[in-house]
Amino acid sequence: MHSERLLPVAGSVNLRELGGYPTHDGQMVRWQKILRAGDLSHLTRYGRFQLAHYGLKYDIDLRSPRERNYAPDKIPEQAVFRSYPVYPTDDQEDDGDLPLIELQAQSQATLETDPYQLMVFDSHSQLAFRCLFKDLLANDQPKQSLLFHCAAGKDRTGIASFLILSALGVDYQIIRQDYLLTNIIYSAADQDQLRKKLKNKNAAEFINRMNASFSVLGEELDQVQAAIVEKYRTIDQYLQTVMQLSEGDLDLLRKIYLE
């Protein structure tokens, strides 16, 4: 596979690259390092081969245990699978690979009912994303990629992408465009034709034009960003305080994922 936004992996849903996005300081997110996706339970044998060839090292499942068990991921044998359910689980569910000691030490769950606000302010959700960042820091070898996903690759995956790209110094408007790209993908009748449009030199103009029709959906992410800034003053402060990323961690992330 070549470096392109929407990857043609057989049996995949909304599987995309985060490589190629520019940062505030003139760097760029490396290709073949971070992938985002929807459901992976229908990957074909060839699709698994494609991901193995692409260097898939970590598969991070952000879905609930029920979703995970109902539609288990089909990934290359050598990939490391992690289950980090973002939404709080109930007594009938396991907690995947979230560390038990940290779960037991959590404060009372947030009273947030909005799922987007819950994802950034609930202690269970925060723990899931902290675990994701730990694996991102461990994914330090060249041409080895980490993939994170939920069911549709939009909400839980969208918040994860927002946090990761923010940590790497990507401008919020670019992050928002990437978030809304999911809607373009699901509305496209011809995925191959869409893939070609996303590869050409006018891709940014095309995405902006298409995203205009989904702007109201982008308000969910806008509200999350605004709520974080209101409570923590900056996204960086949230990342350091809540995601527990030190300056050294942030520097290492940028060393691994930027060029």
C-alpha atoms as a PDB file:
ATOM      1  CA  MET A   1       0.000   0.000   0.000  1.00  0.00           C
ATOM      2  CA  HIS A   2       1.089   3.544  -0.716  1.00  0.00           C
ATOM      3  CA  SER A   3       0.901   6.501   1.656  1.00  0.00           C
ATOM      4  CA  GLU A   4      -2.665   7.728   1.260  1.00  0.00           C
ATOM      5  CA  ARG A   5      -5.452   8.972   3.532  1.00  0.00           C
ATOM      6  CA  LEU A   6      -8.044   6.216   3.017  1.00  0.00           C
ATOM      7  CA  LEU A   7      -6.302   2.853   2.971  1.00  0.00           C
ATOM      8  CA  PRO A   8      -7.678   0.136   0.651  1.00  0.00           C
ATOM      9  CA  VAL A   9      -7.505  -2.707   3.187  1.00  0.00           C
ATOM     10  CA  ALA A  10      -9.809  -5.573   2.173  1.00  0.00           C
ATOM     11  CA  GLY A  11     -12.773  -5.888   4.538  1.00  0.00           C
ATOM     12  CA  SER A  12     -11.957  -2.733   6.516  1.00  0.00           C
ATOM     13  CA  VAL A  13     -14.308   0.076   7.516  1.00  0.00           C
ATOM     14  CA  ASN A  14     -13.167   3.716   7.473  1.00  0.00           C
ATOM     15  CA  LEU A  15      -9.497   2.741   7.849  1.00  0.00           C
ATOM     16  CA  ARG A  16      -7.350   5.851   7.475  1.00  0.00           C
ATOM     17  CA  GLU A  17      -3.856   7.197   7.890  1.00  0.00           C
ATOM     18  CA  LEU A  18      -3.034  10.098  10.188  1.00  0.00           C
ATOM     19  CA  GLY A  19       0.262  10.627   8.387  1.00  0.00           C
ATOM     20  CA  GLY A  20       0.909  13.753   6.349  1.00  0.00           C
ATOM     21  CA  TYR A  21      -0.794  16.296   8.586  1.00  0.00           C
ATOM     22  CA  PRO A  22       1.338  19.402   9.243  1.00  0.00           C
ATOM     23  CA  THR A  23       2.100  20.735  12.733  1.00  0.00           C
ATOM     24  CA  HIS A  24       2.391  24.257  14.146  1.00  0.00           C
ATOM     25  CA  ASP A  25       6.197  24.176  13.928  1.00  0.00           C
ATOM     26  CA  GLY A  26       6.432  23.087  10.292  1.00  0.00           C
ATOM     27  CA  GLN A  27       6.879  19.352  10.849  1.00  0.00           C
ATOM     28  CA  MET A  28       4.593  16.604   9.548  1.00  0.00           C
ATOM     29  CA  VAL A  29       3.051  13.455  11.031  1.00  0.00           C
ATOM     30  CA  ARG A  30       4.943  10.422   9.735  1.00  0.00           C
ATOM     31  CA  TRP A  31       3.198   8.026   7.390  1.00  0.00           C
ATOM     32  CA  GLN A  32       2.909   4.358   8.372  1.00  0.00           C
ATOM     33  CA  LYS A  33       2.849   5.107  12.125  1.00  0.00           C
ATOM     34  CA  ILE A  34      -0.744   5.902  13.241  1.00  0.00           C
ATOM     35  CA  LEU A  35      -3.955   4.476  11.796  1.00  0.00           C
ATOM     36  CA  ARG A  36      -7.592   4.982  12.764  1.00  0.00           C
ATOM     37  CA  ALA A  37     -10.519   2.786  11.788  1.00  0.00           C
ATOM     38  CA  GLY A  38     -13.985   1.468  12.361  1.00  0.00           C
ATOM     39  CA  ASP A  39     -14.952  -2.188  12.722  1.00  0.00           C
ATOM     40  CA  LEU A  40     -12.190  -4.731  12.010  1.00  0.00           C
ATOM     41  CA  SER A  41     -14.258  -7.904  12.353  1.00  0.00           C
ATOM     42  CA  HIS A  42     -14.696  -8.345   8.595  1.00  0.00           C
ATOM     43  CA  LEU A  43     -11.076  -8.084   7.504  1.00  0.00           C
ATOM     44  CA  THR A  44     -10.353 -10.698   4.875  1.00  0.00           C
ATOM     45  CA  ARG A  45      -7.269 -12.875   4.843  1.00  0.00           C
ATOM     46  CA  TYR A  46      -5.811 -10.512   2.269  1.00  0.00           C
ATOM     47  CA  GLY A  47      -6.717  -7.525   4.449  1.00  0.00           C
ATOM     48  CA  ARG A  48      -4.785  -9.062   7.332  1.00  0.00           C
ATOM     49  CA  PHE A  49      -1.848  -9.620   4.999  1.00  0.00           C
ATOM     50  CA  GLN A  50      -2.013  -5.976   3.922  1.00  0.00           C
ATOM     51  CA  LEU A  51      -1.891  -4.755   7.528  1.00  0.00           C
ATOM     52  CA  ALA A  52       0.948  -7.115   8.374  1.00  0.00           C
ATOM     53  CA  HIS A  53       2.878  -5.817   5.362  1.00  0.00           C
ATOM     54  CA  TYR A  54       2.112  -2.258   6.491  1.00  0.00           C
ATOM     55  CA  GLY A  55       3.815  -2.988   9.791  1.00  0.00           C
ATOM     56  CA  LEU A  56       0.826  -3.199  12.147  1.00  0.00           C
ATOM     57  CA  LYS A  57       2.279  -3.573  15.651  1.00  0.00           C
ATOM     58  CA  TYR A  58      -0.587  -2.546  17.958  1.00  0.00           C
ATOM     59  CA  ASP A  59      -4.348  -2.896  17.538  1.00  0.00           C
ATOM     60  CA  ILE A  60      -6.149  -0.787  20.158  1.00  0.00           C
ATOM     61  CA  ASP A  61      -9.857  -1.624  20.502  1.00  0.00           C
ATOM     62  CA  LEU A  62     -11.821   1.213  22.141  1.00  0.00           C
ATOM     63  CA  ARG A  63     -15.172  -0.589  22.010  1.00  0.00           C
ATOM     64  CA  SER A  64     -17.144  -2.051  24.908  1.00  0.00           C
ATOM     65  CA  PRO A  65     -16.515  -5.680  25.919  1.00  0.00           C
ATOM     66  CA  ARG A  66     -19.895  -6.651  24.448  1.00  0.00           C
ATOM     67  CA  GLU A  67     -19.025  -5.088  21.095  1.00  0.00           C
ATOM     68  CA  ARG A  68     -15.582  -6.690  21.205  1.00  0.00           C
ATOM     69  CA  ASN A  69     -16.949 -10.175  21.911  1.00  0.00           C
ATOM     70  CA  TYR A  70     -19.807  -9.906  19.413  1.00  0.00           C
ATOM     71  CA  ALA A  71     -17.548  -8.791  16.549  1.00  0.00           C
ATOM     72  CA  PRO A  72     -13.935  -9.679  17.424  1.00  0.00           C
ATOM     73  CA  ASP A  73     -11.091  -8.069  15.495  1.00  0.00           C
ATOM     74  CA  LYS A  74      -9.399 -10.067  12.768  1.00  0.00           C
ATOM     75  CA  ILE A  75      -5.805  -8.903  12.755  1.00  0.00           C
ATOM     76  CA  PRO A  76      -2.364 -10.262  11.791  1.00  0.00           C
ATOM     77  CA  GLU A  77      -1.025 -12.831  14.249  1.00  0.00           C
ATOM     78  CA  GLN A  78       2.031 -10.764  15.134  1.00  0.00           C
ATOM     79  CA  ALA A  79       0.001  -7.675  16.100  1.00  0.00           C
ATOM     80  CA  VAL A  80      -0.441  -6.893  19.797  1.00  0.00           C
ATOM     81  CA  PHE A  81      -4.130  -6.600  20.698  1.00  0.00           C
ATOM     82  CA  ARG A  82      -5.307  -4.260  23.472  1.00  0.00           C
ATOM     83  CA  SER A  83      -8.853  -3.787  24.734  1.00  0.00           C
ATOM     84  CA  TYR A  84      -9.325  -0.329  26.262  1.00  0.00           C
ATOM     85  CA  PRO A  85     -13.103   0.245  26.533  1.00  0.00           C
ATOM     86  CA  VAL A  86     -13.657   3.995  26.555  1.00  0.00           C
ATOM     87  CA  TYR A  87     -17.171   4.074  27.972  1.00  0.00           C
ATOM     88  CA  PRO A  88     -17.582   2.900  31.583  1.00  0.00           C
ATOM     89  CA  THR A  89     -18.442  -0.788  31.845  1.00  0.00           C
ATOM     90  CA  ASP A  90     -21.125  -2.422  34.002  1.00  0.00           C
ATOM     91  CA  ASP A  91     -20.904  -5.302  36.477  1.00  0.00           C
ATOM     92  CA  GLN A  92     -21.584  -7.890  33.767  1.00  0.00           C
ATOM     93  CA  GLU A  93     -18.652  -6.756  31.639  1.00  0.00           C
ATOM     94  CA  ASP A  94     -14.916  -7.126  31.974  1.00  0.00           C
ATOM     95  CA  ASP A  95     -12.617  -4.124  31.695  1.00  0.00           C
ATOM     96  CA  GLY A  96     -10.439  -5.475  28.924  1.00  0.00           C
ATOM     97  CA  ASP A  97      -6.774  -4.656  29.414  1.00  0.00           C
ATOM     98  CA  LEU A  98      -7.314  -1.578  31.586  1.00  0.00           C
ATOM     99  CA  PRO A  99      -5.115  -1.890  34.719  1.00  0.00           C
ATOM    100  CA  LEU A 100      -7.206  -3.148  37.653  1.00  0.00           C
ATOM    101  CA  ILE A 101      -5.289  -1.185  40.283  1.00  0.00           C
ATOM    102  CA  GLU A 102      -5.923   2.099  38.498  1.00  0.00           C
ATOM    103  CA  LEU A 103      -9.583   1.225  37.951  1.00  0.00           C
ATOM    104  CA  GLN A 104     -10.043   0.557  41.663  1.00  0.00           C
ATOM    105  CA  ALA A 105      -8.344   3.837  42.542  1.00  0.00           C
ATOM    106  CA  GLN A 106     -10.673   5.904  40.364  1.00  0.00           C
ATOM    107  CA  SER A 107     -12.789   8.625  41.857  1.00  0.00           C
ATOM    108  CA  GLN A 108     -16.569   8.552  41.442  1.00  0.00           C
ATOM    109  CA  ALA A 109     -17.697   8.546  37.819  1.00  0.00           C
ATOM    110  CA  THR A 110     -18.654  11.849  36.262  1.00  0.00           C
ATOM    111  CA  LEU A 111     -22.307  12.838  36.058  1.00  0.00           C
ATOM    112  CA  GLU A 112     -21.854  13.848  32.414  1.00  0.00           C
ATOM    113  CA  THR A 113     -24.577  12.443  30.166  1.00  0.00           C
ATOM    114  CA  ASP A 114     -23.264  13.803  26.876  1.00  0.00           C
ATOM    115  CA  PRO A 115     -21.080  11.006  25.442  1.00  0.00           C
ATOM    116  CA  TYR A 116     -18.451  13.414  24.109  1.00  0.00           C
ATOM    117  CA  GLN A 117     -18.090  15.287  27.382  1.00  0.00           C
ATOM    118  CA  LEU A 118     -18.014  11.953  29.215  1.00  0.00           C
ATOM    119  CA  MET A 119     -15.109  10.734  27.093  1.00  0.00           C
ATOM    120  CA  VAL A 120     -12.840  13.571  28.174  1.00  0.00           C
ATOM    121  CA  PHE A 121     -14.005  14.077  31.772  1.00  0.00           C
ATOM    122  CA  ASP A 122     -14.943  10.601  33.080  1.00  0.00           C
ATOM    123  CA  SER A 123     -12.115   8.860  34.947  1.00  0.00           C
ATOM    124  CA  HIS A 124     -12.738   5.493  33.238  1.00  0.00           C
ATOM    125  CA  SER A 125     -12.576   7.065  29.782  1.00  0.00           C
ATOM    126  CA  GLN A 126      -9.499   9.049  30.729  1.00  0.00           C
ATOM    127  CA  LEU A 127      -7.768   5.848  31.846  1.00  0.00           C
ATOM    128  CA  ALA A 128      -8.513   4.201  28.488  1.00  0.00           C
ATOM    129  CA  PHE A 129      -6.900   7.089  26.615  1.00  0.00           C
ATOM    130  CA  ARG A 130      -3.910   7.161  28.993  1.00  0.00           C
ATOM    131  CA  CYS A 131      -3.320   3.488  28.179  1.00  0.00           C
ATOM    132  CA  LEU A 132      -3.513   4.326  24.480  1.00  0.00           C
ATOM    133  CA  PHE A 133      -0.824   6.980  24.932  1.00  0.00           C
ATOM    134  CA  LYS A 134       1.418   4.451  26.732  1.00  0.00           C
ATOM    135  CA  ASP A 135       1.259   2.168  23.709  1.00  0.00           C
ATOM    136  CA  LEU A 136       1.893   5.111  21.400  1.00  0.00           C
ATOM    137  CA  LEU A 137       5.087   5.823  23.349  1.00  0.00           C
ATOM    138  CA  ALA A 138       6.103   2.162  23.035  1.00  0.00           C
ATOM    139  CA  ASN A 139       5.562   2.153  19.246  1.00  0.00           C
ATOM    140  CA  ASP A 140       8.997   3.620  18.625  1.00  0.00           C
ATOM    141  CA  GLN A 141      10.372   1.486  15.801  1.00  0.00           C
ATOM    142  CA  PRO A 142      10.393   2.726  12.179  1.00  0.00           C
ATOM    143  CA  LYS A 143       7.593   1.554   9.878  1.00  0.00           C
ATOM    144  CA  GLN A 144       5.683  -0.071  12.716  1.00  0.00           C
ATOM    145  CA  SER A 145       2.153   1.250  13.005  1.00  0.00           C
ATOM    146  CA  LEU A 146      -0.392   1.528  15.786  1.00  0.00           C
ATOM    147  CA  LEU A 147      -4.087   1.334  14.920  1.00  0.00           C
ATOM    148  CA  PHE A 148      -6.935   2.435  17.188  1.00  0.00           C
ATOM    149  CA  HIS A 149     -10.604   1.940  16.432  1.00  0.00           C
ATOM    150  CA  CYS A 150     -14.182   1.679  17.632  1.00  0.00           C
ATOM    151  CA  ALA A 151     -17.281   0.479  15.752  1.00  0.00           C
ATOM    152  CA  ALA A 152     -17.765   3.237  13.167  1.00  0.00           C
ATOM    153  CA  GLY A 153     -14.420   4.973  13.580  1.00  0.00           C
ATOM    154  CA  LYS A 154     -16.120   8.286  14.391  1.00  0.00           C
ATOM    155  CA  ASP A 155     -16.885   9.113  18.034  1.00  0.00           C
ATOM    156  CA  ARG A 156     -14.524   7.230  20.344  1.00  0.00           C
ATOM    157  CA  THR A 157     -11.966   7.053  17.568  1.00  0.00           C
ATOM    158  CA  GLY A 158     -12.584  10.721  16.784  1.00  0.00           C
ATOM    159  CA  ILE A 159     -11.831  11.806  20.352  1.00  0.00           C
ATOM    160  CA  ALA A 160      -8.715   9.613  20.436  1.00  0.00           C
ATOM    161  CA  SER A 161      -7.531  11.178  17.181  1.00  0.00           C
ATOM    162  CA  PHE A 162      -8.241  14.668  18.540  1.00  0.00           C
ATOM    163  CA  LEU A 163      -6.103  13.982  21.627  1.00  0.00           C
ATOM    164  CA  ILE A 164      -3.251  12.370  19.674  1.00  0.00           C
ATOM    165  CA  LEU A 165      -3.039  15.011  16.950  1.00  0.00           C
ATOM    166  CA  SER A 166      -3.284  17.754  19.584  1.00  0.00           C
ATOM    167  CA  ALA A 167      -0.355  16.197  21.446  1.00  0.00           C
ATOM    168  CA  LEU A 168       1.625  16.212  18.195  1.00  0.00           C
ATOM    169  CA  GLY A 169       0.934  19.901  17.585  1.00  0.00           C
ATOM    170  CA  VAL A 170      -1.527  19.671  14.679  1.00  0.00           C
ATOM    171  CA  ASP A 171      -3.823  22.699  14.294  1.00  0.00           C
ATOM    172  CA  TYR A 172      -7.374  22.215  15.574  1.00  0.00           C
ATOM    173  CA  GLN A 173      -8.988  23.080  12.235  1.00  0.00           C
ATOM    174  CA  ILE A 174      -7.026  20.258  10.571  1.00  0.00           C
ATOM    175  CA  ILE A 175      -8.054  17.895  13.372  1.00  0.00           C
ATOM    176  CA  ARG A 176     -11.673  18.947  12.832  1.00  0.00           C
ATOM    177  CA  GLN A 177     -11.394  18.255   9.095  1.00  0.00           C
ATOM    178  CA  ASP A 178     -10.040  14.787   9.825  1.00  0.00           C
ATOM    179  CA  TYR A 179     -12.921  14.182  12.244  1.00  0.00           C
ATOM    180  CA  LEU A 180     -15.524  15.176   9.651  1.00  0.00           C
ATOM    181  CA  LEU A 181     -13.852  13.084   6.957  1.00  0.00           C
ATOM    182  CA  THR A 182     -15.687  10.081   8.404  1.00  0.00           C
ATOM    183  CA  ASN A 183     -18.977  11.580   7.188  1.00  0.00           C
ATOM    184  CA  ILE A 184     -17.604  12.011   3.674  1.00  0.00           C
ATOM    185  CA  ILE A 185     -16.449   8.401   3.632  1.00  0.00           C
ATOM    186  CA  TYR A 186     -19.807   7.022   4.778  1.00  0.00           C
ATOM    187  CA  SER A 187     -21.710   9.188   2.293  1.00  0.00           C
ATOM    188  CA  ALA A 188     -19.551   8.198  -0.700  1.00  0.00           C
ATOM    189  CA  ALA A 189     -21.053   5.625  -3.021  1.00  0.00           C
ATOM    190  CA  ASP A 190     -17.716   4.830  -4.692  1.00  0.00           C
ATOM    191  CA  GLN A 191     -14.876   4.363  -2.192  1.00  0.00           C
ATOM    192  CA  ASP A 192     -12.246   3.926  -4.914  1.00  0.00           C
ATOM    193  CA  GLN A 193     -13.250   7.209  -6.555  1.00  0.00           C
ATOM    194  CA  LEU A 194     -13.173   8.933  -3.158  1.00  0.00           C
ATOM    195  CA  ARG A 195      -9.726   7.506  -2.484  1.00  0.00           C
ATOM    196  CA  LYS A 196      -8.448   9.038  -5.725  1.00  0.00           C
ATOM    197  CA  LYS A 197      -9.919  12.438  -4.799  1.00  0.00           C
ATOM    198  CA  LEU A 198      -8.240  12.297  -1.396  1.00  0.00           C
ATOM    199  CA  LYS A 199      -4.874  11.628  -3.055  1.00  0.00           C
ATOM    200  CA  ASN A 200      -4.824  14.445  -5.607  1.00  0.00           C
ATOM    201  CA  LYS A 201      -3.298  17.895  -5.132  1.00  0.00           C
ATOM    202  CA  ASN A 202      -6.721  19.485  -4.602  1.00  0.00           C
ATOM    203  CA  ALA A 203      -7.653  17.106  -1.750  1.00  0.00           C
ATOM    204  CA  ALA A 204      -7.747  19.850   0.912  1.00  0.00           C
ATOM    205  CA  GLU A 205     -10.133  21.964  -1.189  1.00  0.00           C
ATOM    206  CA  PHE A 206     -12.343  18.927  -1.843  1.00  0.00           C
ATOM    207  CA  ILE A 207     -12.461  18.009   1.859  1.00  0.00           C
ATOM    208  CA  ASN A 208     -13.317  21.573   2.889  1.00  0.00           C
ATOM    209  CA  ARG A 209     -16.109  21.746   0.338  1.00  0.00           C
ATOM    210  CA  MET A 210     -17.596  18.416   1.388  1.00  0.00           C
ATOM    211  CA  ASN A 211     -17.183  19.088   5.105  1.00  0.00           C
ATOM    212  CA  ALA A 212     -19.241  22.270   4.799  1.00  0.00           C
ATOM    213  CA  SER A 213     -22.360  20.098   4.575  1.00  0.00           C
ATOM    214  CA  PHE A 214     -21.446  18.323   7.822  1.00  0.00           C
ATOM    215  CA  SER A 215     -20.434  21.389   9.826  1.00  0.00           C
ATOM    216  CA  VAL A 216     -23.247  20.959  12.348  1.00  0.00           C
ATOM    217  CA  LEU A 217     -21.843  17.537  13.255  1.00  0.00           C
ATOM    218  CA  GLY A 218     -18.489  19.155  13.926  1.00  0.00           C
ATOM    219  CA  GLU A 219     -20.073  21.093  16.772  1.00  0.00           C
ATOM    220  CA  GLU A 220     -19.723  18.017  18.986  1.00  0.00           C
ATOM    221  CA  LEU A 221     -15.956  18.197  18.719  1.00  0.00           C
ATOM    222  CA  ASP A 222     -16.011  21.991  19.015  1.00  0.00           C
ATOM    223  CA  GLN A 223     -17.869  21.712  22.318  1.00  0.00           C
ATOM    224  CA  VAL A 224     -15.360  19.193  23.656  1.00  0.00           C
ATOM    225  CA  GLN A 225     -12.438  21.426  22.767  1.00  0.00           C
ATOM    226  CA  ALA A 226     -14.139  24.451  24.322  1.00  0.00           C
ATOM    227  CA  ALA A 227     -14.958  22.538  27.521  1.00  0.00           C
ATOM    228  CA  ILE A 228     -11.355  21.374  27.912  1.00  0.00           C
ATOM    229  CA  VAL A 229     -10.004  24.895  27.372  1.00  0.00           C
ATOM    230  CA  GLU A 230     -12.531  26.305  29.848  1.00  0.00           C
ATOM    231  CA  LYS A 231     -11.506  23.833  32.553  1.00  0.00           C
ATOM    232  CA  TYR A 232      -7.773  23.440  31.859  1.00  0.00           C
ATOM    233  CA  ARG A 233      -6.967  26.684  29.941  1.00  0.00           C
ATOM    234  CA  THR A 234      -5.115  24.806  27.161  1.00  0.00           C
ATOM    235  CA  ILE A 235      -5.213  21.381  25.513  1.00  0.00           C
ATOM    236  CA  ASP A 236      -1.550  20.905  26.491  1.00  0.00           C
ATOM    237  CA  GLN A 237      -2.469  21.427  30.142  1.00  0.00           C
ATOM    238  CA  TYR A 238      -5.188  18.786  29.833  1.00  0.00           C
ATOM    239  CA  LEU A 239      -2.724  16.377  28.234  1.00  0.00           C
ATOM    240  CA  GLN A 240      -0.196  16.909  31.010  1.00  0.00           C
ATOM    241  CA  THR A 241      -2.676  16.888  33.904  1.00  0.00           C
ATOM    242  CA  VAL A 242      -5.227  14.279  32.828  1.00  0.00           C
ATOM    243  CA  MET A 243      -3.320  12.155  30.307  1.00  0.00           C
ATOM    244  CA  GLN A 244      -0.289  12.401  32.615  1.00  0.00           C
ATOM    245  CA  LEU A 245       2.047  13.169  29.735  1.00  0.00           C
ATOM    246  CA  SER A 246       5.206  14.890  30.938  1.00  0.00           C
ATOM    247  CA  GLU A 247       7.149  17.321  28.782  1.00  0.00           C
ATOM    248  CA  GLY A 248       9.532  14.439  28.137  1.00  0.00           C
ATOM    249  CA  ASP A 249       6.658  12.207  27.036  1.00  0.00           C
ATOM    250  CA  LEU A 250       5.362  14.864  24.646  1.00  0.00           C
ATOM    251  CA  ASP A 251       8.840  15.389  23.246  1.00  0.00           C
ATOM    252  CA  LEU A 252       9.230  11.638  22.726  1.00  0.00           C
ATOM    253  CA  LEU A 253       5.834  11.361  21.027  1.00  0.00           C
ATOM    254  CA  ARG A 254       6.833  14.091  18.607  1.00  0.00           C
ATOM    255  CA  LYS A 255      10.175  12.432  17.985  1.00  0.00           C
ATOM    256  CA  ILE A 256       8.473   9.110  17.169  1.00  0.00           C
ATOM    257  CA  TYR A 257       5.597  10.436  15.082  1.00  0.00           C
ATOM    258  CA  LEU A 258       6.859  13.609  13.416  1.00  0.00           C
ATOM    259  CA  GLU A 259       9.386  14.336  10.711  1.00  0.00           C
END
